Amino acid sequence: MKELKKYSWIAAAVTSVMGTLFHFVYEFSGNNNFVGMFAAVNESTWEHLKLLLTPAFLVGIVEWFIYGKNYKNFFPALFISILAGMFAITAAFYTYTGIIGQNFMIADIATFFIGVFVTYYLRYKIIKSGKLSSDKWVFISLAGFAILFVFTAYASFNPPQINLFKDPLTGTYGTSF
């Protein structure tokens, strides 16, 4: 388990760096629509959740090849922990902005790091517990990822017209092809 803890810290650091870069990847790509399905296309809360989702998933795939195959519950832990991290970002953001009445860039950045911490702490705990090791949970988690990524790609271009998807700077939703 000492190795698992070490890998978790490394993965959290890599995800943090990648997530920070993913804030700018869409713009750097010349607003490439394929890139926009996985990287933030605007300043909405939803688009900022991609800064955790995509890097944590990609890091998770690399981790699976390094050590994840040794744990039957790796993919369920990956899926649940990423969802929890996304929820933590959303809850932290709306809680602090609801209390203060506005957002601050430094606090927004802190919510991302809170989400990363929640993701990797929970994933470590789930893997360590050995729970969710059945083939059923592996299937559910992989199907969950497929649904989540399809929705994320769709919502980048056809977002629901609710505040979670609204760019606070422009008042617009998503991007267009």
N, C-alpha and C. Protein backbone atom coordinates (compact mmCIF):
# COMPACT_ATOMS: atom_id res chain seq x y z
N MET A 1 0.81 -1.20 0.00
CA MET A 1 0.00 0.00 0.00
C MET A 1 0.86 1.27 0.00
N LYS A 2 2.10 1.15 0.41
CA LYS A 2 2.98 2.32 0.39
C LYS A 2 3.19 2.79 -1.05
N GLU A 3 3.32 1.85 -1.97
CA GLU A 3 3.48 2.19 -3.39
C GLU A 3 2.22 2.90 -3.90
N LEU A 4 1.05 2.42 -3.50
CA LEU A 4 -0.21 3.02 -3.93
C LEU A 4 -0.28 4.48 -3.47
N LYS A 5 0.15 4.74 -2.25
CA LYS A 5 0.14 6.11 -1.73
C LYS A 5 1.10 6.99 -2.55
N LYS A 6 2.27 6.45 -2.84
CA LYS A 6 3.25 7.20 -3.64
C LYS A 6 2.69 7.52 -5.03
N TYR A 7 2.11 6.52 -5.68
CA TYR A 7 1.54 6.73 -7.00
C TYR A 7 0.40 7.74 -6.95
N SER A 8 -0.38 7.73 -5.87
CA SER A 8 -1.49 8.66 -5.73
C SER A 8 -1.00 10.10 -5.67
N TRP A 9 0.05 10.35 -4.91
CA TRP A 9 0.62 11.70 -4.81
C TRP A 9 1.17 12.16 -6.16
N ILE A 10 1.87 11.27 -6.85
CA ILE A 10 2.42 11.62 -8.17
C ILE A 10 1.29 11.91 -9.14
N ALA A 11 0.28 11.05 -9.15
CA ALA A 11 -0.84 11.23 -10.06
C ALA A 11 -1.59 12.53 -9.77
N ALA A 12 -1.74 12.88 -8.51
CA ALA A 12 -2.41 14.13 -8.15
C ALA A 12 -1.61 15.33 -8.66
N ALA A 13 -0.30 15.26 -8.54
CA ALA A 13 0.55 16.36 -9.03
C ALA A 13 0.45 16.48 -10.55
N VAL A 14 0.52 15.35 -11.25
CA VAL A 14 0.44 15.37 -12.71
C VAL A 14 -0.93 15.88 -13.16
N THR A 15 -1.98 15.43 -12.50
CA THR A 15 -3.34 15.89 -12.82
C THR A 15 -3.46 17.40 -12.59
N SER A 16 -2.87 17.90 -11.52
CA SER A 16 -2.92 19.33 -11.23
C SER A 16 -2.26 20.14 -12.34
N VAL A 17 -1.10 19.69 -12.78
CA VAL A 17 -0.39 20.39 -13.86
C VAL A 17 -1.19 20.30 -15.17
N MET A 18 -1.63 19.09 -15.50
CA MET A 18 -2.39 18.92 -16.73
C MET A 18 -3.69 19.71 -16.70
N GLY A 19 -4.37 19.70 -15.56
CA GLY A 19 -5.62 20.44 -15.44
C GLY A 19 -5.42 21.92 -15.64
N THR A 20 -4.33 22.44 -15.11
CA THR A 20 -4.01 23.85 -15.30
C THR A 20 -3.78 24.14 -16.78
N LEU A 21 -3.05 23.27 -17.46
CA LEU A 21 -2.80 23.45 -18.89
C LEU A 21 -4.08 23.30 -19.72
N PHE A 22 -4.97 22.40 -19.29
CA PHE A 22 -6.21 22.17 -20.03
C PHE A 22 -7.13 23.39 -20.01
N HIS A 23 -6.85 24.34 -19.15
CA HIS A 23 -7.62 25.58 -19.15
C HIS A 23 -7.35 26.36 -20.44
N PHE A 24 -6.17 26.17 -21.02
CA PHE A 24 -5.75 26.96 -22.18
C PHE A 24 -5.65 26.15 -23.48
N VAL A 25 -5.78 24.85 -23.41
CA VAL A 25 -5.54 23.98 -24.57
C VAL A 25 -6.50 24.28 -25.72
N TYR A 26 -7.76 24.52 -25.42
CA TYR A 26 -8.73 24.80 -26.50
C TYR A 26 -8.31 26.05 -27.28
N GLU A 27 -7.97 27.10 -26.57
CA GLU A 27 -7.55 28.34 -27.23
C GLU A 27 -6.25 28.13 -28.00
N PHE A 28 -5.28 27.42 -27.38
CA PHE A 28 -4.00 27.15 -28.04
C PHE A 28 -4.16 26.30 -29.29
N SER A 29 -5.22 25.49 -29.33
CA SER A 29 -5.45 24.62 -30.48
C SER A 29 -6.11 25.36 -31.64
N GLY A 30 -6.35 26.65 -31.46
CA GLY A 30 -7.06 27.40 -32.49
C GLY A 30 -8.55 27.13 -32.44
N ASN A 31 -9.05 26.84 -31.25
CA ASN A 31 -10.47 26.52 -31.02
C ASN A 31 -10.91 25.26 -31.79
N ASN A 32 -10.04 24.27 -31.78
CA ASN A 32 -10.31 23.00 -32.42
C ASN A 32 -11.48 22.31 -31.71
N ASN A 33 -12.52 21.95 -32.46
CA ASN A 33 -13.72 21.36 -31.85
C ASN A 33 -13.45 20.03 -31.17
N PHE A 34 -12.57 19.22 -31.72
CA PHE A 34 -12.26 17.94 -31.07
C PHE A 34 -11.63 18.20 -29.70
N VAL A 35 -10.70 19.13 -29.64
CA VAL A 35 -10.06 19.48 -28.37
C VAL A 35 -11.09 20.05 -27.41
N GLY A 36 -12.04 20.83 -27.93
CA GLY A 36 -13.08 21.43 -27.11
C GLY A 36 -14.00 20.44 -26.44
N MET A 37 -14.06 19.22 -26.94
CA MET A 37 -14.88 18.21 -26.28
C MET A 37 -14.27 17.76 -24.96
N PHE A 38 -12.97 17.98 -24.78
CA PHE A 38 -12.28 17.47 -23.59
C PHE A 38 -11.58 18.54 -22.76
N ALA A 39 -11.48 19.75 -23.30
CA ALA A 39 -10.84 20.86 -22.59
C ALA A 39 -11.85 22.00 -22.48
N ALA A 40 -11.63 22.89 -21.54
CA ALA A 40 -12.56 23.99 -21.31
C ALA A 40 -12.68 24.90 -22.54
N VAL A 41 -13.93 25.17 -22.95
CA VAL A 41 -14.16 26.04 -24.09
C VAL A 41 -14.61 27.44 -23.66
N ASN A 42 -14.94 27.60 -22.38
CA ASN A 42 -15.30 28.91 -21.85
C ASN A 42 -15.08 28.91 -20.34
N GLU A 43 -15.59 29.92 -19.68
CA GLU A 43 -15.34 30.08 -18.24
C GLU A 43 -16.47 29.56 -17.35
N SER A 44 -17.38 28.76 -17.91
CA SER A 44 -18.47 28.23 -17.10
C SER A 44 -17.96 27.20 -16.09
N THR A 45 -18.73 27.00 -15.07
CA THR A 45 -18.37 26.01 -14.05
C THR A 45 -18.25 24.63 -14.69
N TRP A 46 -19.19 24.26 -15.55
CA TRP A 46 -19.15 22.95 -16.19
C TRP A 46 -17.86 22.75 -16.98
N GLU A 47 -17.48 23.73 -17.75
CA GLU A 47 -16.27 23.59 -18.55
C GLU A 47 -15.04 23.45 -17.66
N HIS A 48 -15.07 24.07 -16.49
CA HIS A 48 -13.95 23.93 -15.57
C HIS A 48 -13.89 22.54 -14.94
N LEU A 49 -15.00 21.83 -14.94
CA LEU A 49 -14.97 20.45 -14.43
C LEU A 49 -14.17 19.54 -15.37
N LYS A 50 -14.08 19.91 -16.64
CA LYS A 50 -13.26 19.15 -17.58
C LYS A 50 -11.77 19.21 -17.21
N LEU A 51 -11.40 20.27 -16.49
CA LEU A 51 -10.00 20.42 -16.09
C LEU A 51 -9.59 19.33 -15.11
N LEU A 52 -10.55 18.74 -14.44
CA LEU A 52 -10.29 17.58 -13.58
C LEU A 52 -10.61 16.29 -14.33
N LEU A 53 -11.75 16.24 -14.96
CA LEU A 53 -12.22 15.00 -15.61
C LEU A 53 -11.21 14.44 -16.61
N THR A 54 -10.84 15.22 -17.59
CA THR A 54 -9.99 14.70 -18.66
C THR A 54 -8.59 14.33 -18.17
N PRO A 55 -7.88 15.24 -17.47
CA PRO A 55 -6.55 14.84 -17.00
C PRO A 55 -6.58 13.67 -16.02
N ALA A 56 -7.53 13.66 -15.08
CA ALA A 56 -7.57 12.55 -14.11
C ALA A 56 -7.86 11.22 -14.81
N PHE A 57 -8.70 11.25 -15.83
CA PHE A 57 -8.97 10.03 -16.59
C PHE A 57 -7.73 9.58 -17.35
N LEU A 58 -7.06 10.51 -18.05
CA LEU A 58 -5.86 10.15 -18.80
C LEU A 58 -4.75 9.64 -17.88
N VAL A 59 -4.57 10.30 -16.75
CA VAL A 59 -3.58 9.84 -15.77
C VAL A 59 -4.00 8.46 -15.26
N GLY A 60 -5.29 8.27 -15.06
CA GLY A 60 -5.79 6.97 -14.60
C GLY A 60 -5.48 5.84 -15.58
N ILE A 61 -5.58 6.12 -16.86
CA ILE A 61 -5.24 5.10 -17.87
C ILE A 61 -3.77 4.72 -17.76
N VAL A 62 -2.90 5.71 -17.63
CA VAL A 62 -1.47 5.43 -17.45
C VAL A 62 -1.25 4.64 -16.16
N GLU A 63 -1.93 5.04 -15.09
CA GLU A 63 -1.79 4.33 -13.81
C GLU A 63 -2.23 2.88 -13.93
N TRP A 64 -3.28 2.64 -14.71
CA TRP A 64 -3.76 1.27 -14.86
C TRP A 64 -2.67 0.38 -15.44
N PHE A 65 -1.94 0.90 -16.42
CA PHE A 65 -0.86 0.12 -17.01
C PHE A 65 0.31 -0.07 -16.04
N ILE A 66 0.54 0.91 -15.17
CA ILE A 66 1.66 0.82 -14.22
C ILE A 66 1.33 -0.09 -13.05
N TYR A 67 0.17 0.11 -12.42
CA TYR A 67 -0.15 -0.68 -11.24
C TYR A 67 -1.63 -1.06 -11.12
N GLY A 68 -2.49 -0.38 -11.84
CA GLY A 68 -3.93 -0.57 -11.69
C GLY A 68 -4.44 -1.96 -11.99
N LYS A 69 -3.75 -2.68 -12.88
CA LYS A 69 -4.17 -4.05 -13.22
C LYS A 69 -4.16 -4.95 -11.99
N ASN A 70 -3.39 -4.57 -10.98
CA ASN A 70 -3.30 -5.37 -9.75
C ASN A 70 -4.50 -5.20 -8.84
N TYR A 71 -5.39 -4.27 -9.17
CA TYR A 71 -6.55 -3.99 -8.32
C TYR A 71 -7.82 -4.10 -9.16
N LYS A 72 -8.67 -5.08 -8.82
CA LYS A 72 -9.92 -5.27 -9.57
C LYS A 72 -10.84 -4.08 -9.44
N ASN A 73 -10.68 -3.30 -8.38
CA ASN A 73 -11.57 -2.16 -8.17
C ASN A 73 -10.97 -0.85 -8.69
N PHE A 74 -9.95 -0.93 -9.50
CA PHE A 74 -9.29 0.29 -9.98
C PHE A 74 -10.25 1.20 -10.76
N PHE A 75 -10.96 0.66 -11.75
CA PHE A 75 -11.85 1.50 -12.55
C PHE A 75 -13.05 2.00 -11.76
N PRO A 76 -13.68 1.18 -10.92
CA PRO A 76 -14.74 1.76 -10.08
C PRO A 76 -14.21 2.88 -9.18
N ALA A 77 -13.02 2.70 -8.62
CA ALA A 77 -12.43 3.74 -7.77
C ALA A 77 -12.13 4.99 -8.59
N LEU A 78 -11.64 4.81 -9.80
CA LEU A 78 -11.34 5.93 -10.69
C LEU A 78 -12.62 6.72 -11.00
N PHE A 79 -13.66 6.01 -11.38
CA PHE A 79 -14.92 6.66 -11.76
C PHE A 79 -15.55 7.40 -10.58
N ILE A 80 -15.71 6.72 -9.48
CA ILE A 80 -16.34 7.34 -8.31
C ILE A 80 -15.53 8.52 -7.79
N SER A 81 -14.22 8.39 -7.78
CA SER A 81 -13.39 9.47 -7.24
C SER A 81 -13.41 10.70 -8.15
N ILE A 82 -13.44 10.50 -9.45
CA ILE A 82 -13.51 11.65 -10.36
C ILE A 82 -14.85 12.35 -10.20
N LEU A 83 -15.93 11.59 -10.11
CA LEU A 83 -17.24 12.21 -9.88
C LEU A 83 -17.24 12.99 -8.58
N ALA A 84 -16.67 12.41 -7.54
CA ALA A 84 -16.60 13.09 -6.24
C ALA A 84 -15.78 14.37 -6.32
N GLY A 85 -14.67 14.32 -7.04
CA GLY A 85 -13.85 15.52 -7.23
C GLY A 85 -14.60 16.60 -7.99
N MET A 86 -15.35 16.21 -9.02
CA MET A 86 -16.15 17.17 -9.78
C MET A 86 -17.23 17.78 -8.88
N PHE A 87 -17.85 16.94 -8.06
CA PHE A 87 -18.85 17.44 -7.11
C PHE A 87 -18.22 18.40 -6.11
N ALA A 88 -17.03 18.07 -5.62
CA ALA A 88 -16.34 18.92 -4.64
C ALA A 88 -16.04 20.30 -5.23
N ILE A 89 -15.60 20.33 -6.48
CA ILE A 89 -15.34 21.61 -7.14
C ILE A 89 -16.62 22.44 -7.22
N THR A 90 -17.69 21.80 -7.68
CA THR A 90 -18.97 22.49 -7.83
C THR A 90 -19.49 22.99 -6.48
N ALA A 91 -19.46 22.13 -5.48
CA ALA A 91 -19.96 22.51 -4.16
C ALA A 91 -19.12 23.63 -3.55
N ALA A 92 -17.81 23.52 -3.65
CA ALA A 92 -16.94 24.56 -3.09
C ALA A 92 -17.16 25.89 -3.80
N PHE A 93 -17.24 25.86 -5.13
CA PHE A 93 -17.42 27.09 -5.89
C PHE A 93 -18.73 27.78 -5.54
N TYR A 94 -19.83 27.03 -5.61
CA TYR A 94 -21.13 27.65 -5.36
C TYR A 94 -21.33 28.02 -3.89
N THR A 95 -20.67 27.31 -2.99
CA THR A 95 -20.76 27.68 -1.58
C THR A 95 -20.05 29.00 -1.33
N TYR A 96 -18.80 29.11 -1.77
CA TYR A 96 -18.08 30.34 -1.47
C TYR A 96 -18.64 31.54 -2.24
N THR A 97 -19.06 31.33 -3.50
CA THR A 97 -19.62 32.47 -4.24
C THR A 97 -21.00 32.84 -3.70
N GLY A 98 -21.73 31.86 -3.19
CA GLY A 98 -23.03 32.15 -2.59
C GLY A 98 -22.88 32.96 -1.31
N ILE A 99 -21.85 32.69 -0.55
CA ILE A 99 -21.61 33.41 0.70
C ILE A 99 -21.07 34.81 0.43
N ILE A 100 -20.08 34.89 -0.46
CA ILE A 100 -19.41 36.17 -0.71
C ILE A 100 -20.17 37.02 -1.74
N GLY A 101 -20.83 36.37 -2.67
CA GLY A 101 -21.58 37.11 -3.69
C GLY A 101 -20.83 37.32 -4.98
N GLN A 102 -19.60 36.89 -5.03
CA GLN A 102 -18.81 36.97 -6.27
C GLN A 102 -17.70 35.94 -6.22
N ASN A 103 -17.05 35.76 -7.35
CA ASN A 103 -15.94 34.81 -7.35
C ASN A 103 -14.61 35.55 -7.48
N PHE A 104 -13.57 34.87 -7.01
CA PHE A 104 -12.21 35.38 -7.08
C PHE A 104 -11.34 34.32 -7.71
N MET A 105 -10.46 34.73 -8.61
CA MET A 105 -9.64 33.76 -9.34
C MET A 105 -8.86 32.84 -8.41
N ILE A 106 -8.27 33.37 -7.35
CA ILE A 106 -7.47 32.55 -6.45
C ILE A 106 -8.34 31.49 -5.76
N ALA A 107 -9.57 31.87 -5.41
CA ALA A 107 -10.49 30.91 -4.80
C ALA A 107 -10.96 29.88 -5.83
N ASP A 108 -11.16 30.32 -7.07
CA ASP A 108 -11.53 29.38 -8.13
C ASP A 108 -10.44 28.34 -8.34
N ILE A 109 -9.20 28.80 -8.33
CA ILE A 109 -8.07 27.88 -8.47
C ILE A 109 -8.03 26.92 -7.28
N ALA A 110 -8.29 27.44 -6.10
CA ALA A 110 -8.29 26.59 -4.90
C ALA A 110 -9.36 25.51 -5.00
N THR A 111 -10.53 25.84 -5.59
CA THR A 111 -11.57 24.82 -5.72
C THR A 111 -11.10 23.67 -6.61
N PHE A 112 -10.32 23.99 -7.63
CA PHE A 112 -9.77 22.94 -8.49
C PHE A 112 -8.85 22.02 -7.69
N PHE A 113 -7.98 22.60 -6.89
CA PHE A 113 -7.06 21.77 -6.10
C PHE A 113 -7.79 20.98 -5.01
N ILE A 114 -8.88 21.52 -4.50
CA ILE A 114 -9.73 20.76 -3.57
C ILE A 114 -10.28 19.54 -4.30
N GLY A 115 -10.76 19.75 -5.53
CA GLY A 115 -11.29 18.64 -6.32
C GLY A 115 -10.25 17.58 -6.61
N VAL A 116 -9.04 18.00 -6.91
CA VAL A 116 -7.95 17.04 -7.16
C VAL A 116 -7.66 16.25 -5.88
N PHE A 117 -7.58 16.94 -4.76
CA PHE A 117 -7.32 16.25 -3.49
C PHE A 117 -8.42 15.24 -3.18
N VAL A 118 -9.67 15.64 -3.31
CA VAL A 118 -10.79 14.73 -3.05
C VAL A 118 -10.71 13.52 -3.96
N THR A 119 -10.41 13.76 -5.23
CA THR A 119 -10.33 12.67 -6.20
C THR A 119 -9.29 11.63 -5.79
N TYR A 120 -8.10 12.07 -5.50
CA TYR A 120 -7.03 11.10 -5.24
C TYR A 120 -7.08 10.52 -3.83
N TYR A 121 -7.58 11.27 -2.88
CA TYR A 121 -7.75 10.72 -1.53
C TYR A 121 -8.81 9.63 -1.54
N LEU A 122 -9.95 9.92 -2.16
CA LEU A 122 -11.02 8.93 -2.22
C LEU A 122 -10.62 7.71 -3.03
N ARG A 123 -9.94 7.93 -4.13
CA ARG A 123 -9.52 6.79 -4.95
C ARG A 123 -8.58 5.88 -4.18
N TYR A 124 -7.64 6.47 -3.47
CA TYR A 124 -6.71 5.70 -2.63
C TYR A 124 -7.50 4.88 -1.61
N LYS A 125 -8.47 5.51 -0.96
CA LYS A 125 -9.25 4.82 0.08
C LYS A 125 -10.08 3.68 -0.52
N ILE A 126 -10.68 3.89 -1.66
CA ILE A 126 -11.50 2.84 -2.28
C ILE A 126 -10.62 1.68 -2.72
N ILE A 127 -9.52 1.97 -3.39
CA ILE A 127 -8.63 0.89 -3.84
C ILE A 127 -8.12 0.11 -2.64
N LYS A 128 -7.69 0.82 -1.63
CA LYS A 128 -7.16 0.19 -0.43
C LYS A 128 -8.20 -0.70 0.25
N SER A 129 -9.47 -0.30 0.21
CA SER A 129 -10.54 -1.06 0.87
C SER A 129 -10.81 -2.39 0.19
N GLY A 130 -10.53 -2.47 -1.11
CA GLY A 130 -10.82 -3.69 -1.85
C GLY A 130 -12.29 -3.82 -2.24
N LYS A 131 -13.11 -2.85 -1.86
CA LYS A 131 -14.54 -2.91 -2.20
C LYS A 131 -14.74 -2.55 -3.66
N LEU A 132 -15.91 -2.89 -4.18
CA LEU A 132 -16.30 -2.62 -5.57
C LEU A 132 -15.42 -3.38 -6.56
N SER A 133 -15.04 -4.59 -6.19
CA SER A 133 -14.11 -5.38 -7.01
C SER A 133 -14.78 -6.33 -7.99
N SER A 134 -16.10 -6.38 -8.00
CA SER A 134 -16.77 -7.33 -8.88
C SER A 134 -16.76 -6.83 -10.32
N ASP A 135 -16.92 -7.77 -11.25
CA ASP A 135 -16.99 -7.42 -12.67
C ASP A 135 -18.15 -6.47 -12.94
N LYS A 136 -19.23 -6.60 -12.17
CA LYS A 136 -20.39 -5.72 -12.32
C LYS A 136 -19.97 -4.26 -12.09
N TRP A 137 -19.20 -3.99 -11.06
CA TRP A 137 -18.78 -2.62 -10.76
C TRP A 137 -17.80 -2.09 -11.80
N VAL A 138 -16.97 -2.96 -12.32
CA VAL A 138 -16.06 -2.55 -13.39
C VAL A 138 -16.88 -2.14 -14.61
N PHE A 139 -17.86 -2.95 -14.98
CA PHE A 139 -18.71 -2.64 -16.13
C PHE A 139 -19.47 -1.33 -15.91
N ILE A 140 -20.05 -1.16 -14.72
CA ILE A 140 -20.81 0.06 -14.41
C ILE A 140 -19.91 1.29 -14.52
N SER A 141 -18.70 1.18 -14.01
CA SER A 141 -17.81 2.34 -14.04
C SER A 141 -17.37 2.67 -15.47
N LEU A 142 -17.08 1.67 -16.27
CA LEU A 142 -16.68 1.92 -17.66
C LEU A 142 -17.85 2.49 -18.47
N ALA A 143 -19.06 1.95 -18.23
CA ALA A 143 -20.25 2.50 -18.89
C ALA A 143 -20.49 3.94 -18.41
N GLY A 144 -20.26 4.18 -17.14
CA GLY A 144 -20.41 5.53 -16.59
C GLY A 144 -19.46 6.51 -17.25
N PHE A 145 -18.22 6.09 -17.45
CA PHE A 145 -17.26 6.95 -18.15
C PHE A 145 -17.71 7.25 -19.57
N ALA A 146 -18.20 6.23 -20.27
CA ALA A 146 -18.66 6.42 -21.64
C ALA A 146 -19.80 7.45 -21.67
N ILE A 147 -20.76 7.31 -20.79
CA ILE A 147 -21.88 8.24 -20.72
C ILE A 147 -21.39 9.64 -20.36
N LEU A 148 -20.51 9.73 -19.38
CA LEU A 148 -19.99 11.03 -18.94
C LEU A 148 -19.25 11.74 -20.06
N PHE A 149 -18.41 11.02 -20.79
CA PHE A 149 -17.66 11.66 -21.87
C PHE A 149 -18.54 12.02 -23.06
N VAL A 150 -19.53 11.20 -23.37
CA VAL A 150 -20.45 11.54 -24.45
C VAL A 150 -21.23 12.80 -24.08
N PHE A 151 -21.72 12.84 -22.83
CA PHE A 151 -22.45 14.04 -22.39
C PHE A 151 -21.55 15.26 -22.38
N THR A 152 -20.33 15.10 -21.89
CA THR A 152 -19.39 16.22 -21.84
C THR A 152 -19.12 16.77 -23.23
N ALA A 153 -18.90 15.89 -24.20
CA ALA A 153 -18.66 16.34 -25.57
C ALA A 153 -19.90 17.04 -26.12
N TYR A 154 -21.05 16.43 -25.91
CA TYR A 154 -22.30 17.02 -26.39
C TYR A 154 -22.54 18.40 -25.76
N ALA A 155 -22.35 18.49 -24.44
CA ALA A 155 -22.63 19.73 -23.72
C ALA A 155 -21.65 20.85 -24.05
N SER A 156 -20.51 20.51 -24.63
CA SER A 156 -19.57 21.55 -25.07
C SER A 156 -20.16 22.38 -26.20
N PHE A 157 -21.03 21.77 -26.98
CA PHE A 157 -21.60 22.44 -28.15
C PHE A 157 -23.10 22.67 -28.03
N ASN A 158 -23.77 21.93 -27.16
CA ASN A 158 -25.22 22.04 -26.95
C ASN A 158 -25.54 22.00 -25.46
N PRO A 159 -25.02 22.92 -24.69
CA PRO A 159 -25.20 22.84 -23.24
C PRO A 159 -26.62 23.16 -22.81
N PRO A 160 -27.06 22.55 -21.72
CA PRO A 160 -28.35 22.96 -21.14
C PRO A 160 -28.27 24.44 -20.75
N GLN A 161 -29.35 25.13 -20.86
CA GLN A 161 -29.37 26.57 -20.59
C GLN A 161 -29.61 26.84 -19.10
N ILE A 162 -28.67 26.37 -18.29
CA ILE A 162 -28.72 26.61 -16.84
C ILE A 162 -27.38 27.20 -16.41
N ASN A 163 -27.35 27.80 -15.25
CA ASN A 163 -26.16 28.55 -14.81
C ASN A 163 -24.89 27.72 -14.76
N LEU A 164 -24.99 26.44 -14.48
CA LEU A 164 -23.80 25.60 -14.43
C LEU A 164 -23.02 25.65 -15.74
N PHE A 165 -23.73 25.85 -16.85
CA PHE A 165 -23.13 25.84 -18.18
C PHE A 165 -22.93 27.25 -18.76
N LYS A 166 -23.31 28.27 -18.02
CA LYS A 166 -23.26 29.65 -18.52
C LYS A 166 -21.90 30.28 -18.24
N ASP A 167 -21.30 30.85 -19.28
CA ASP A 167 -20.03 31.56 -19.15
C ASP A 167 -20.33 32.90 -18.47
N PRO A 168 -19.80 33.13 -17.26
CA PRO A 168 -20.12 34.37 -16.55
C PRO A 168 -19.51 35.62 -17.20
N LEU A 169 -18.51 35.44 -18.05
CA LEU A 169 -17.89 36.59 -18.70
C LEU A 169 -18.67 37.06 -19.92
N THR A 170 -19.22 36.11 -20.67
CA THR A 170 -19.89 36.48 -21.92
C THR A 170 -21.41 36.30 -21.86
N GLY A 171 -21.88 35.55 -20.86
CA GLY A 171 -23.31 35.27 -20.77
C GLY A 171 -23.78 34.23 -21.77
N THR A 172 -22.83 33.58 -22.44
CA THR A 172 -23.17 32.57 -23.45
C THR A 172 -23.01 31.16 -22.88
N TYR A 173 -23.40 30.18 -23.67
CA TYR A 173 -23.32 28.79 -23.27
C TYR A 173 -22.50 28.02 -24.30
N GLY A 174 -21.53 27.25 -23.82
CA GLY A 174 -20.74 26.39 -24.69
C GLY A 174 -20.02 27.14 -25.79
N THR A 175 -19.87 26.48 -26.90
CA THR A 175 -19.24 27.06 -28.08
C THR A 175 -20.00 26.52 -29.27
N SER A 176 -19.69 26.99 -30.45
CA SER A 176 -20.40 26.50 -31.64
C SER A 176 -19.40 25.88 -32.60
N PHE A 177 -19.90 24.96 -33.40
CA PHE A 177 -19.04 24.32 -34.41
C PHE A 177 -18.65 25.32 -35.44
